[in-house]
Protein backbone atom coordinates (compact mmCIF):
# COMPACT_ATOMS: atom_id res chain seq x y z
CA MET A 1 -87.54 16.43 113.07
CA PHE A 2 -85.80 18.27 109.42
CA LEU A 3 -85.91 15.21 108.20
CA ALA A 4 -89.87 14.51 108.15
CA GLU A 5 -90.74 17.72 107.00
CA THR A 6 -88.59 17.58 103.60
CA GLU A 7 -91.03 17.09 100.22
CA PRO A 8 -90.66 13.23 98.78
CA THR A 9 -88.45 14.45 95.71
CA THR A 10 -89.21 13.12 92.20
CA THR A 11 -86.50 11.40 89.86
CA TYR A 12 -88.62 12.23 86.77
CA THR A 13 -87.29 14.28 84.10
CA PRO A 14 -88.24 15.83 80.59
CA PHE A 15 -86.27 13.84 78.57
CA ASP A 16 -87.84 10.68 80.23
CA VAL A 17 -91.08 11.25 77.31
CA PHE A 18 -88.59 11.36 75.14
CA MET A 19 -87.32 8.38 76.05
CA VAL A 20 -90.50 7.03 75.48
CA ILE A 21 -91.20 7.79 72.17
CA PHE A 22 -87.84 7.14 70.50
CA THR A 23 -88.71 3.69 72.20
CA VAL A 24 -92.17 3.68 70.31
CA LEU A 25 -90.25 4.99 67.32
CA ILE A 26 -87.56 2.06 66.82
CA ALA A 27 -90.54 -0.61 67.70
CA ALA A 28 -92.64 0.96 64.17
CA GLY A 29 -89.39 0.69 62.64
CA LEU A 30 -88.47 -2.65 63.58
CA ILE A 31 -92.53 -4.02 62.81
CA ARG A 32 -92.00 -2.11 59.12
CA LEU A 33 -88.74 -4.16 58.76
CA LEU A 34 -90.37 -7.25 59.63
CA MET A 35 -93.18 -6.83 57.70
CA GLN A 36 -91.55 -6.82 54.44
CA ARG A 37 -92.00 -9.22 51.68
CA PRO A 38 -89.60 -9.06 49.15
CA ARG A 39 -86.47 -9.35 50.75
CA LYS A 40 -85.09 -8.74 54.14
CA ASN A 41 -82.23 -6.50 55.72
CA ILE A 42 -81.23 -9.38 58.04
CA PHE A 43 -78.42 -6.50 59.77
CA ALA A 44 -81.43 -4.13 60.12
CA ILE A 45 -83.20 -6.18 61.69
CA GLY A 46 -80.77 -7.34 64.03
CA PHE A 47 -79.53 -4.18 64.44
CA GLY A 48 -83.31 -2.99 65.61
CA THR A 49 -83.91 -5.26 67.59
CA VAL A 50 -80.76 -4.88 70.36
CA SER A 51 -81.82 -1.15 70.07
CA LEU A 52 -85.09 -2.45 71.00
CA LEU A 53 -84.01 -4.00 73.65
CA VAL A 54 -81.49 -1.51 75.42
CA PHE A 55 -83.96 1.24 75.46
CA LEU A 56 -87.02 -1.76 77.00
CA LEU A 57 -84.22 -2.32 79.86
CA ALA A 58 -83.17 1.54 79.28
CA ASP A 59 -87.23 2.33 79.66
CA TYR A 60 -87.85 -0.27 82.22
CA LYS A 61 -84.56 1.60 85.16
CA MET A 62 -86.29 4.90 83.94
CA ILE A 63 -89.87 4.16 85.03
CA SER A 64 -88.70 1.51 87.97
CA GLY A 65 -86.82 5.01 89.56
CA TRP A 66 -90.07 7.48 89.54
């Protein structure tokens, strides 16, 4: 009977907001890198792409746990 009376716990933390903000910043930086006209920095584009994919995966796992 006591198990039925417990309130559901949430796994949401304030750090989740920072994760989403960092993801948006990485996406904005990657878009900025891709829009450069004269010469593109291939290493920076690759690093930004991998970072964005990692953060998107982390955000997906984080949000699915809410």
